[in-house]
Amino acid sequence: MDKRLIDFLSARRSVLIAPAGYGKTTILAEALKYLCPIESKPILVLTHTHAGVASIKKKCATLNLGSKVEITTISGFCQKIVHAFDGQLPPSDTNGRPDFNKIMLRGLEIMKLKKTRYILGQSYSHLIADEYQDCSYLQHIFISLCAFNVSLHILADPLQAIFGFNNERMVNFSNDFKKYEYFEFLNIPWRWYQDGNNKRLGDSLRIVRERLNNQESIDFNNILGACHILGDSQEVDFWIKIRKKVSELLSNSLLIIFPNGFEYQIDTRAQKKAQFDLAHQFTLLESIDDKAFYRSAKDLDKCISSKDKEQFFANFIRLLNNLSFKKGDIEDWFNRTGVKRKTDKEKFLKAQKIKNLIEKIISSSKRASEIDKLIKFLRYELVFFPKRQELLSAAFSVLRMRGGSSMYDNMILHRNRVRIIGRKVEGKCIGTTLLTKGLEFEDVIIIDAHKIKDENNLYVALTRASKRLFIYSSSAIWAPK
């Protein structure tokens, strides 16, 4: 075991700073491997995103740590504390999403109690917080209180700070850690130095990092091991080119990154996906609390509470649209008044099946399970395909849940579970820097790099690929905004 790591873990309060791809997640796994056999109490690991949780769990999968480690998000852990203490969470916001600010403020109130800090001190031996550069000051105070009676170890990279919380004050590494011991012993870009990966790219990104820290411009053509391609997503044939590039790569580990911002919101990414992902091989990464999840849950509640067939049908069509099924698929089988009449024998039988399923829903006392059957018939028998697969999967999950007072309540519980447990992110994916930070793919395609707003987001985008990196932009030069 590296003595520097032991020193880092022996300190009461410690901070480890390291660039992307230099082994922070690996060193975290090594820390857990070292601590678990010698500590009688579990180790708590906190990070920001479900993708980060999945990444840490993947790295620890072969260590057989069992119940000695709890890995979750900061938000998820705060919700756990509040729910355990109050029996419920504060009311959701106007869009149906958890009110994270109220939850955090309530979490802070609870953690200021001496008894609560004592309980956490008896429950955990160490708290390790990853991706700490994205903490708001309130989150920093919350974590510090959680670790009041345990050792606190922080892993961070200030250049990867890309989260903002409604203009809240973010953690400041110059002022907020004066009583912490600093460590900077990770100095090899292991992500790119592993066999078969792109060593030239890893070395070149060292220079990119220096230039970004100095707020200097970046010439994409000078990033050795990467390929810059002139192109803008507004060009008529742009997505045809992307489809060809994806086909050429023959990659099973491929990420397509869009810039953050309104122009590239989830519905836009879903539309672009349809233009190049004709075989439906890509996973469209979703924000956990996108309002569409809660909107579709409310639609489900309206379907369940419909008084008659006419009202049910109006609510159901709205639900299908909100679940992102293609408009053409919906209009092929439904009109304003009900199921369309079909003359083809096979289609006639399928249309009759839909009518029978709707009749069963209207007459059933267990409408949720019958609605589940109807949507699955449309999805798998009629091959309705959603533009946003995770949205549909969430709907299926809440329809199967038992005990909730409504589909809306079930959706809140479901998204909280995803937040706490995390989800596996691998294969072929589409996302933004916010949704993919902390993840690694063999191959990465960056779309409209010229529209990436700042040094931090650009650095995150450039450091996701371990083997092949393709940068599409309207200019080879990226300059600080």
Protein backbone atom coordinates (compact mmCIF):
# COMPACT_ATOMS: atom_id res chain seq x y z
CA MET A 1 0.00 0.00 0.00
CA ASP A 2 1.33 3.44 -1.01
CA LYS A 3 2.46 5.30 2.11
CA ARG A 4 1.07 8.54 0.64
CA LEU A 5 -2.39 6.99 0.50
CA ILE A 6 -2.06 5.78 4.09
CA ASP A 7 -1.05 9.29 5.15
CA PHE A 8 -4.05 10.70 3.27
CA LEU A 9 -6.40 8.30 5.09
CA SER A 10 -4.71 8.78 8.46
CA ALA A 11 -5.33 12.53 8.45
CA ARG A 12 -8.42 13.71 10.29
CA ARG A 13 -9.23 16.08 7.40
CA SER A 14 -7.56 15.62 4.01
CA VAL A 15 -7.91 16.80 0.40
CA LEU A 16 -6.49 15.01 -2.66
CA ILE A 17 -6.30 17.10 -5.85
CA ALA A 18 -5.78 15.31 -9.18
CA PRO A 19 -6.64 15.84 -12.89
CA ALA A 20 -9.23 13.79 -14.77
CA GLY A 21 -8.03 10.31 -15.66
CA TYR A 22 -5.20 10.25 -13.14
CA GLY A 23 -6.74 7.58 -10.92
CA LYS A 24 -8.95 9.28 -8.32
CA THR A 25 -11.62 6.58 -8.59
CA THR A 26 -8.96 3.86 -8.49
CA ILE A 27 -7.33 5.42 -5.43
CA LEU A 28 -10.79 5.62 -3.83
CA ALA A 29 -11.24 1.89 -4.40
CA GLU A 30 -7.75 1.25 -2.99
CA ALA A 31 -8.66 3.34 0.05
CA LEU A 32 -11.75 1.23 0.66
CA LYS A 33 -9.75 -1.97 0.18
CA TYR A 34 -7.29 -0.75 2.83
CA LEU A 35 -9.85 0.59 5.32
CA CYS A 36 -12.51 -2.14 5.33
CA PRO A 37 -10.39 -4.89 6.98
CA ILE A 38 -9.11 -2.58 9.73
CA GLU A 39 -12.25 -0.62 10.56
CA SER A 40 -15.14 -2.07 12.57
CA LYS A 41 -17.66 0.44 11.21
CA PRO A 42 -18.67 1.04 7.56
CA ILE A 43 -17.20 3.73 5.32
CA LEU A 44 -19.58 6.26 3.74
CA VAL A 45 -18.77 7.38 0.19
CA LEU A 46 -20.59 10.41 -1.24
CA THR A 47 -20.52 11.87 -4.73
CA HIS A 48 -22.76 14.11 -6.85
CA THR A 49 -24.32 12.06 -9.61
CA HIS A 50 -25.83 8.62 -10.12
CA ALA A 51 -23.27 8.19 -12.92
CA GLY A 52 -20.54 8.81 -10.35
CA VAL A 53 -22.09 6.27 -8.00
CA ALA A 54 -22.15 3.71 -10.81
CA SER A 55 -18.51 4.43 -11.69
CA ILE A 56 -17.34 3.92 -8.10
CA LYS A 57 -19.40 0.76 -7.68
CA LYS A 58 -17.97 -0.64 -10.91
CA LYS A 59 -14.44 0.03 -9.72
CA CYS A 60 -15.18 -1.67 -6.38
CA ALA A 61 -17.15 -4.60 -7.84
CA THR A 62 -14.34 -7.16 -7.45
CA LEU A 63 -13.30 -6.11 -3.92
CA ASN A 64 -16.12 -7.92 -2.06
CA LEU A 65 -16.62 -5.03 0.34
CA GLY A 66 -20.21 -6.00 1.14
CA SER A 67 -21.95 -4.02 3.87
CA LYS A 68 -18.73 -2.30 4.96
CA VAL A 69 -19.26 0.45 2.36
CA GLU A 70 -22.23 2.69 1.58
CA ILE A 71 -21.98 4.54 -1.75
CA THR A 72 -24.59 7.16 -2.58
CA THR A 73 -25.08 10.74 -3.76
CA ILE A 74 -24.85 13.76 -1.49
CA SER A 75 -28.43 14.66 -2.32
CA GLY A 76 -29.61 11.10 -1.77
CA PHE A 77 -27.91 10.86 1.61
CA CYS A 78 -29.36 14.20 2.71
CA GLN A 79 -32.82 12.97 1.73
CA LYS A 80 -32.20 9.79 3.71
CA ILE A 81 -31.32 11.83 6.81
CA VAL A 82 -34.34 14.12 6.46
CA HIS A 83 -36.75 11.25 5.81
CA ALA A 84 -35.40 9.22 8.74
CA PHE A 85 -35.74 12.20 11.10
CA ASP A 86 -39.03 13.71 9.86
CA GLY A 87 -40.73 10.69 8.31
CA GLN A 88 -41.18 12.65 5.09
CA LEU A 89 -39.54 15.14 2.76
CA PRO A 90 -40.50 18.80 2.29
CA PRO A 91 -43.18 19.40 -0.39
CA SER A 92 -42.04 19.14 -4.02
CA ASP A 93 -41.57 22.23 -6.16
CA THR A 94 -44.14 23.47 -8.69
CA ASN A 95 -42.79 21.09 -11.37
CA GLY A 96 -43.22 18.07 -9.12
CA ARG A 97 -39.52 17.67 -8.44
CA PRO A 98 -37.99 17.36 -4.97
CA ASP A 99 -37.16 20.80 -3.54
CA PHE A 100 -33.46 20.19 -3.04
CA ASN A 101 -32.78 23.54 -1.41
CA LYS A 102 -35.43 22.94 1.27
CA ILE A 103 -34.18 19.38 1.75
CA MET A 104 -30.59 20.57 2.18
CA LEU A 105 -31.59 23.33 4.61
CA ARG A 106 -33.58 20.84 6.65
CA GLY A 107 -30.66 18.41 6.51
CA LEU A 108 -28.40 21.12 7.90
CA GLU A 109 -30.81 21.77 10.78
CA ILE A 110 -30.87 18.07 11.63
CA MET A 111 -27.10 17.66 11.41
CA LYS A 112 -26.55 20.58 13.78
CA LEU A 113 -28.10 18.46 16.53
CA LYS A 114 -25.45 16.88 18.72
CA LYS A 115 -27.41 13.63 18.94
CA THR A 116 -27.58 13.25 15.15
CA ARG A 117 -23.85 13.83 14.76
CA TYR A 118 -23.26 11.24 17.51
CA ILE A 119 -25.40 8.67 15.66
CA LEU A 120 -23.44 9.17 12.43
CA GLY A 121 -20.20 8.91 14.38
CA GLN A 122 -21.36 5.55 15.70
CA SER A 123 -22.49 4.46 12.24
CA TYR A 124 -19.40 5.24 10.12
CA SER A 125 -15.63 5.28 10.56
CA HIS A 126 -14.70 7.44 7.55
CA LEU A 127 -16.49 9.69 5.07
CA ILE A 128 -14.95 9.92 1.60
CA ALA A 129 -16.41 12.61 -0.68
CA ASP A 130 -15.65 12.46 -4.40
CA GLU A 131 -16.01 15.19 -7.06
CA TYR A 132 -15.93 17.76 -4.27
CA GLN A 133 -15.25 20.66 -6.61
CA ASP A 134 -18.96 20.62 -7.48
CA CYS A 135 -20.16 21.12 -3.92
CA SER A 136 -22.08 24.21 -2.98
CA TYR A 137 -21.03 25.83 0.27
CA LEU A 138 -24.21 24.51 1.92
CA GLN A 139 -23.34 20.97 0.81
CA HIS A 140 -19.83 21.47 2.18
CA ILE A 141 -21.24 22.48 5.57
CA PHE A 142 -23.66 19.53 5.52
CA ILE A 143 -20.85 17.05 4.75
CA SER A 144 -18.60 18.61 7.39
CA LEU A 145 -21.35 18.17 9.98
CA CYS A 146 -21.96 14.59 8.86
CA ALA A 147 -18.24 13.95 9.40
CA PHE A 148 -18.10 15.83 12.73
CA ASN A 149 -17.18 12.63 14.58
CA VAL A 150 -15.48 10.72 11.75
CA SER A 151 -12.49 11.25 9.46
CA LEU A 152 -13.25 13.18 6.26
CA HIS A 153 -11.29 12.64 3.05
CA ILE A 154 -12.00 14.71 -0.07
CA LEU A 155 -11.12 14.02 -3.72
CA ALA A 156 -11.40 16.88 -6.18
CA ASP A 157 -10.25 18.63 -9.33
CA PRO A 158 -11.13 22.35 -9.46
CA LEU A 159 -10.90 22.36 -13.28
CA GLN A 160 -13.82 19.92 -13.42
CA ALA A 161 -16.18 22.15 -11.43
CA ILE A 162 -19.16 22.42 -13.78
CA PHE A 163 -22.20 22.23 -11.49
CA GLY A 164 -23.93 25.39 -10.40
CA PHE A 165 -26.81 25.59 -7.94
CA ASN A 166 -28.87 28.62 -8.94
CA ASN A 167 -25.93 30.97 -8.42
CA GLU A 168 -25.26 29.62 -4.92
CA ARG A 169 -21.82 30.14 -3.47
CA MET A 170 -19.68 27.16 -4.42
CA VAL A 171 -16.94 25.60 -2.35
CA ASN A 172 -13.69 27.57 -2.48
CA PHE A 173 -10.45 25.62 -2.27
CA SER A 174 -8.46 28.71 -1.30
CA ASN A 175 -10.59 29.62 1.72
CA ASP A 176 -12.68 26.64 2.87
CA PHE A 177 -9.96 24.04 3.56
CA LYS A 178 -7.34 25.85 5.62
CA LYS A 179 -7.45 23.19 8.34
CA TYR A 180 -7.17 20.29 5.88
CA GLU A 181 -3.99 18.47 4.85
CA TYR A 182 -3.41 18.74 1.08
CA PHE A 183 -2.13 15.87 -1.09
CA GLU A 184 -1.21 15.85 -4.81
CA PHE A 185 0.53 12.52 -5.39
CA LEU A 186 -1.40 11.38 -8.50
CA ASN A 187 0.69 12.56 -11.43
CA ILE A 188 0.35 9.88 -14.14
CA PRO A 189 -2.57 9.92 -16.63
CA TRP A 190 -3.44 6.25 -16.07
CA ARG A 191 -6.64 6.39 -18.13
CA TRP A 192 -4.54 6.78 -21.27
CA TYR A 193 -1.46 4.82 -20.18
CA GLN A 194 -3.22 1.47 -19.87
CA ASP A 195 -2.49 -1.09 -22.56
CA GLY A 196 -4.40 -0.38 -25.76
CA ASN A 197 -5.35 3.16 -24.78
CA ASN A 198 -4.17 6.46 -26.25
CA LYS A 199 -0.95 7.51 -24.49
CA ARG A 200 -0.36 10.41 -26.91
CA LEU A 201 -3.79 11.83 -26.04
CA GLY A 202 -3.11 11.55 -22.31
CA ASP A 203 0.20 13.40 -22.64
CA SER A 204 -1.33 16.06 -24.88
CA LEU A 205 -4.16 16.70 -22.42
CA ARG A 206 -1.54 17.68 -19.81
CA ILE A 207 -0.71 20.67 -22.02
CA VAL A 208 -4.39 21.38 -22.65
CA ARG A 209 -4.97 21.46 -18.89
CA GLU A 210 -2.16 23.95 -18.35
CA ARG A 211 -3.50 26.22 -21.07
CA LEU A 212 -7.05 26.08 -19.74
CA ASN A 213 -5.85 26.86 -16.21
CA ASN A 214 -4.11 29.89 -17.68
CA GLN A 215 -7.28 30.82 -19.63
CA GLU A 216 -5.49 30.43 -22.96
CA SER A 217 -7.03 29.37 -26.26
CA ILE A 218 -6.96 25.75 -27.45
CA ASP A 219 -6.10 24.64 -30.99
CA PHE A 220 -7.90 21.32 -31.44
CA ASN A 221 -5.45 20.37 -34.19
CA ASN A 222 -2.64 20.46 -31.63
CA ILE A 223 -4.26 17.83 -29.39
CA LEU A 224 -2.17 14.82 -30.38
CA GLY A 225 -4.10 11.58 -30.47
CA ALA A 226 -7.38 13.38 -31.16
CA CYS A 227 -9.08 14.14 -34.48
CA HIS A 228 -10.60 17.54 -35.18
CA ILE A 229 -13.29 17.72 -37.87
CA LEU A 230 -14.77 20.96 -39.14
CA GLY A 231 -18.52 20.76 -38.74
CA ASP A 232 -21.58 22.37 -37.21
CA SER A 233 -24.72 20.50 -36.17
CA GLN A 234 -26.84 23.03 -38.10
CA GLU A 235 -25.40 21.84 -41.43
CA VAL A 236 -27.91 19.98 -43.60
CA ASP A 237 -25.86 16.77 -43.88
CA PHE A 238 -24.20 16.91 -40.44
CA TRP A 239 -26.11 14.02 -38.86
CA ILE A 240 -25.57 11.87 -41.93
CA LYS A 241 -21.83 12.35 -41.33
CA ILE A 242 -22.24 11.42 -37.68
CA ARG A 243 -24.16 8.28 -38.64
CA LYS A 244 -21.34 7.29 -40.99
CA LYS A 245 -18.70 8.01 -38.35
CA VAL A 246 -20.53 5.90 -35.76
CA SER A 247 -20.79 3.07 -38.30
CA GLU A 248 -17.08 3.29 -39.13
CA LEU A 249 -15.98 3.17 -35.50
CA LEU A 250 -17.52 -0.24 -34.74
CA SER A 251 -17.34 0.76 -31.09
CA ASN A 252 -19.13 -0.85 -28.15
CA SER A 253 -18.05 1.94 -25.80
CA LEU A 254 -19.01 5.24 -27.39
CA LEU A 255 -20.20 8.52 -25.94
CA ILE A 256 -21.61 11.41 -27.93
CA ILE A 257 -21.36 14.65 -25.95
CA PHE A 258 -23.48 17.73 -26.56
CA PRO A 259 -22.75 21.11 -24.95
CA ASN A 260 -24.92 22.01 -21.97
CA GLY A 261 -27.64 24.60 -22.39
CA PHE A 262 -31.14 25.24 -23.69
CA GLU A 263 -30.17 24.68 -27.32
CA TYR A 264 -29.28 21.07 -26.49
CA GLN A 265 -31.98 20.19 -23.99
CA ILE A 266 -33.22 16.60 -23.72
CA ASP A 267 -35.95 16.85 -26.38
CA THR A 268 -33.43 18.25 -28.87
CA ARG A 269 -30.97 15.46 -28.10
CA ALA A 270 -33.76 12.93 -28.57
CA GLN A 271 -34.59 14.43 -31.98
CA LYS A 272 -30.95 14.37 -33.08
CA LYS A 273 -30.59 10.79 -31.84
CA ALA A 274 -33.39 9.75 -34.20
CA GLN A 275 -31.41 11.17 -37.14
CA PHE A 276 -28.30 9.05 -36.66
CA ASP A 277 -29.29 6.16 -34.37
CA LEU A 278 -31.54 4.30 -36.77
CA ALA A 279 -30.84 0.94 -35.08
CA HIS A 280 -31.71 2.29 -31.61
CA GLN A 281 -28.33 1.32 -30.16
CA PHE A 282 -27.72 4.44 -28.06
CA THR A 283 -28.94 5.19 -24.54
CA LEU A 284 -30.14 8.75 -24.09
CA LEU A 285 -28.91 9.79 -20.64
CA GLU A 286 -31.52 11.67 -18.62
CA SER A 287 -31.35 14.09 -15.74
CA ILE A 288 -32.84 12.30 -12.72
CA ASP A 289 -35.39 15.00 -12.01
CA ASP A 290 -36.41 16.15 -15.47
CA LYS A 291 -39.97 17.41 -15.11
CA ALA A 292 -41.18 14.99 -17.81
CA PHE A 293 -40.95 12.11 -15.32
CA TYR A 294 -43.36 13.81 -12.93
CA ARG A 295 -45.61 15.08 -15.74
CA SER A 296 -46.05 11.55 -17.09
CA ALA A 297 -46.80 10.28 -13.56
CA LYS A 298 -49.59 12.84 -13.24
CA ASP A 299 -50.93 11.68 -16.62
CA LEU A 300 -50.99 8.13 -15.29
CA ASP A 301 -52.98 9.29 -12.27
CA LYS A 302 -55.48 11.00 -14.57
CA CYS A 303 -55.85 7.81 -16.61
CA ILE A 304 -56.45 5.77 -13.47
CA SER A 305 -59.06 8.21 -12.13
CA SER A 306 -60.89 8.71 -15.46
CA LYS A 307 -64.70 8.50 -15.00
CA ASP A 308 -65.51 7.07 -18.42
CA LYS A 309 -63.99 5.79 -21.65
CA GLU A 310 -64.01 9.21 -23.33
CA GLN A 311 -62.14 10.85 -20.49
CA PHE A 312 -59.70 7.95 -20.25
CA PHE A 313 -58.94 8.08 -23.95
CA ALA A 314 -58.16 11.83 -23.89
CA ASN A 315 -55.84 11.33 -20.90
CA PHE A 316 -54.22 8.26 -22.45
CA ILE A 317 -53.32 10.00 -25.71
CA ARG A 318 -51.76 12.82 -23.72
CA LEU A 319 -49.79 10.21 -21.76
CA LEU A 320 -48.48 8.54 -24.94
CA ASN A 321 -47.24 11.90 -26.24
CA ASN A 322 -45.58 12.75 -22.92
CA LEU A 323 -43.90 9.34 -22.85
CA SER A 324 -42.19 10.48 -26.09
CA PHE A 325 -43.74 7.92 -28.44
CA LYS A 326 -43.50 9.00 -32.06
CA LYS A 327 -46.43 11.09 -33.23
CA GLY A 328 -46.72 9.03 -36.41
CA ASP A 329 -47.08 5.77 -34.44
CA ILE A 330 -49.82 7.27 -32.27
CA GLU A 331 -51.73 8.74 -35.22
CA ASP A 332 -51.49 5.46 -37.13
CA TRP A 333 -53.64 3.69 -34.54
CA PHE A 334 -55.64 6.41 -32.80
CA ASN A 335 -57.82 9.38 -33.76
CA ARG A 336 -59.60 11.93 -31.59
CA THR A 337 -62.44 9.61 -30.64
CA GLY A 338 -60.71 6.26 -30.20
CA VAL A 339 -58.98 3.40 -31.98
CA LYS A 340 -58.84 3.73 -35.75
CA ARG A 341 -60.74 1.23 -37.87
CA LYS A 342 -58.42 -1.14 -39.75
CA THR A 343 -59.34 -3.14 -42.87
CA ASP A 344 -56.22 -5.30 -43.03
CA LYS A 345 -57.01 -8.55 -41.18
CA GLU A 346 -53.89 -8.58 -39.02
CA LYS A 347 -54.20 -4.91 -38.12
CA PHE A 348 -57.95 -5.35 -37.50
CA LEU A 349 -57.21 -8.00 -34.87
CA LYS A 350 -54.60 -5.79 -33.22
CA ALA A 351 -56.97 -2.83 -33.17
CA GLN A 352 -59.60 -5.06 -31.56
CA LYS A 353 -57.03 -6.10 -28.96
CA ILE A 354 -56.43 -2.44 -28.09
CA LYS A 355 -60.19 -1.87 -27.71
CA ASN A 356 -60.48 -4.92 -25.45
CA LEU A 357 -57.59 -3.72 -23.28
CA ILE A 358 -59.21 -0.28 -22.92
CA GLU A 359 -62.55 -1.87 -21.99
CA LYS A 360 -60.78 -3.95 -19.35
CA ILE A 361 -59.12 -0.84 -17.91
CA ILE A 362 -62.46 0.97 -17.61
CA SER A 363 -64.10 -1.96 -15.83
CA SER A 364 -61.14 -2.94 -13.64
CA SER A 365 -60.49 -2.00 -10.02
CA LYS A 366 -56.75 -2.49 -10.69
CA ARG A 367 -56.27 -0.02 -13.48
CA ALA A 368 -52.52 0.45 -13.03
CA SER A 369 -51.72 -3.15 -13.98
CA GLU A 370 -54.14 -3.03 -16.94
CA ILE A 371 -52.65 0.26 -18.22
CA ASP A 372 -49.24 -1.39 -17.93
CA LYS A 373 -50.48 -4.21 -20.21
CA LEU A 374 -51.88 -1.74 -22.75
CA ILE A 375 -48.68 0.32 -23.00
CA LYS A 376 -46.58 -2.84 -23.29
CA PHE A 377 -48.85 -4.08 -26.10
CA LEU A 378 -48.26 -0.81 -27.97
CA ARG A 379 -44.53 -0.91 -27.29
CA TYR A 380 -43.76 -4.53 -28.08
CA GLU A 381 -46.58 -5.80 -30.31
CA LEU A 382 -47.13 -2.65 -32.38
CA VAL A 383 -43.48 -1.59 -31.97
CA PHE A 384 -44.18 1.94 -30.78
CA PHE A 385 -40.70 3.31 -30.08
CA PRO A 386 -40.09 6.06 -27.49
CA LYS A 387 -37.59 8.80 -28.21
CA ARG A 388 -36.74 8.78 -24.48
CA GLN A 389 -36.44 5.17 -23.32
CA GLU A 390 -35.71 5.95 -19.67
CA LEU A 391 -38.95 7.92 -19.43
CA LEU A 392 -40.93 4.87 -20.52
CA SER A 393 -38.94 2.54 -18.26
CA ALA A 394 -39.72 4.79 -15.29
CA ALA A 395 -43.43 4.69 -16.16
CA PHE A 396 -43.36 0.88 -16.23
CA SER A 397 -41.58 0.86 -12.87
CA VAL A 398 -44.13 3.08 -11.11
CA LEU A 399 -47.05 1.13 -12.58
CA ARG A 400 -45.65 -2.04 -10.98
CA MET A 401 -44.99 -0.44 -7.58
CA ARG A 402 -47.27 -1.28 -4.69
CA GLY A 403 -48.33 0.81 -1.72
CA GLY A 404 -48.02 4.33 -3.10
CA SER A 405 -51.05 6.58 -2.85
CA SER A 406 -50.57 7.71 -6.47
CA MET A 407 -48.39 7.24 -9.52
CA TYR A 408 -46.95 10.68 -8.78
CA ASP A 409 -45.84 9.56 -5.31
CA ASN A 410 -44.45 6.37 -6.83
CA MET A 411 -42.43 8.42 -9.32
CA ILE A 412 -40.92 10.53 -6.54
CA LEU A 413 -39.92 7.33 -4.73
CA HIS A 414 -38.57 5.76 -7.94
CA ARG A 415 -36.40 8.74 -8.86
CA ASN A 416 -35.12 8.94 -5.28
CA ARG A 417 -34.07 5.30 -5.53
CA VAL A 418 -32.21 5.99 -8.76
CA ARG A 419 -30.54 8.96 -7.08
CA ILE A 420 -29.41 6.89 -4.11
CA ILE A 421 -28.52 3.60 -5.81
CA GLY A 422 -27.16 4.99 -9.06
CA ARG A 423 -27.45 3.35 -12.46
CA LYS A 424 -25.14 1.52 -14.80
CA VAL A 425 -23.90 3.70 -17.66
CA GLU A 426 -22.03 1.85 -20.38
CA GLY A 427 -22.17 0.87 -24.04
CA LYS A 428 -23.29 3.60 -26.44
CA CYS A 429 -24.62 6.75 -24.80
CA ILE A 430 -25.67 10.31 -25.57
CA GLY A 431 -25.32 13.03 -22.96
CA THR A 432 -23.82 16.32 -21.88
CA THR A 433 -20.80 17.09 -19.72
CA LEU A 434 -23.13 17.44 -16.71
CA LEU A 435 -24.57 13.96 -17.27
CA THR A 436 -21.29 12.17 -18.04
CA LYS A 437 -18.71 13.75 -15.75
CA GLY A 438 -16.84 11.04 -13.90
CA LEU A 439 -17.47 8.49 -16.66
CA GLU A 440 -15.00 6.94 -19.09
CA PHE A 441 -15.66 5.62 -22.60
CA GLU A 442 -13.22 4.16 -25.10
CA ASP A 443 -14.44 6.48 -27.84
CA VAL A 444 -16.00 9.94 -27.66
CA ILE A 445 -17.53 12.26 -30.25
CA ILE A 446 -17.93 15.89 -29.16
CA ILE A 447 -20.66 17.80 -31.00
CA ASP A 448 -20.37 21.60 -31.53
CA ALA A 449 -17.27 21.99 -29.38
CA HIS A 450 -17.17 25.67 -30.37
CA LYS A 451 -20.34 26.20 -28.30
CA ILE A 452 -18.94 24.74 -25.08
CA LYS A 453 -19.17 27.69 -22.74
CA ASP A 454 -16.10 27.53 -20.47
CA GLU A 455 -12.76 25.91 -19.70
CA ASN A 456 -14.19 23.48 -17.15
CA ASN A 457 -16.86 22.02 -19.43
CA LEU A 458 -14.38 21.74 -22.28
CA TYR A 459 -11.87 19.92 -20.07
CA VAL A 460 -14.52 17.46 -18.91
CA ALA A 461 -15.57 16.77 -22.51
CA LEU A 462 -12.01 16.27 -23.75
CA THR A 463 -11.09 13.84 -20.97
CA ARG A 464 -13.91 11.26 -21.33
CA ALA A 465 -12.23 9.19 -24.09
CA SER A 466 -9.51 6.66 -23.34
CA LYS A 467 -8.81 5.60 -26.94
CA ARG A 468 -10.34 7.72 -29.72
CA LEU A 469 -11.53 11.32 -29.52
CA PHE A 470 -13.33 13.14 -32.34
CA ILE A 471 -13.99 16.86 -31.98
CA TYR A 472 -16.55 18.46 -34.30
CA SER A 473 -16.54 22.25 -34.32
CA SER A 474 -16.92 25.14 -36.74
CA SER A 475 -13.39 26.30 -35.90
CA ALA A 476 -10.18 24.60 -34.84
CA ILE A 477 -9.60 27.33 -32.24
CA TRP A 478 -11.51 27.39 -28.95
CA ALA A 479 -11.11 30.62 -27.01
CA PRO A 480 -12.28 31.39 -23.46
CA LYS A 481 -15.66 33.12 -23.50
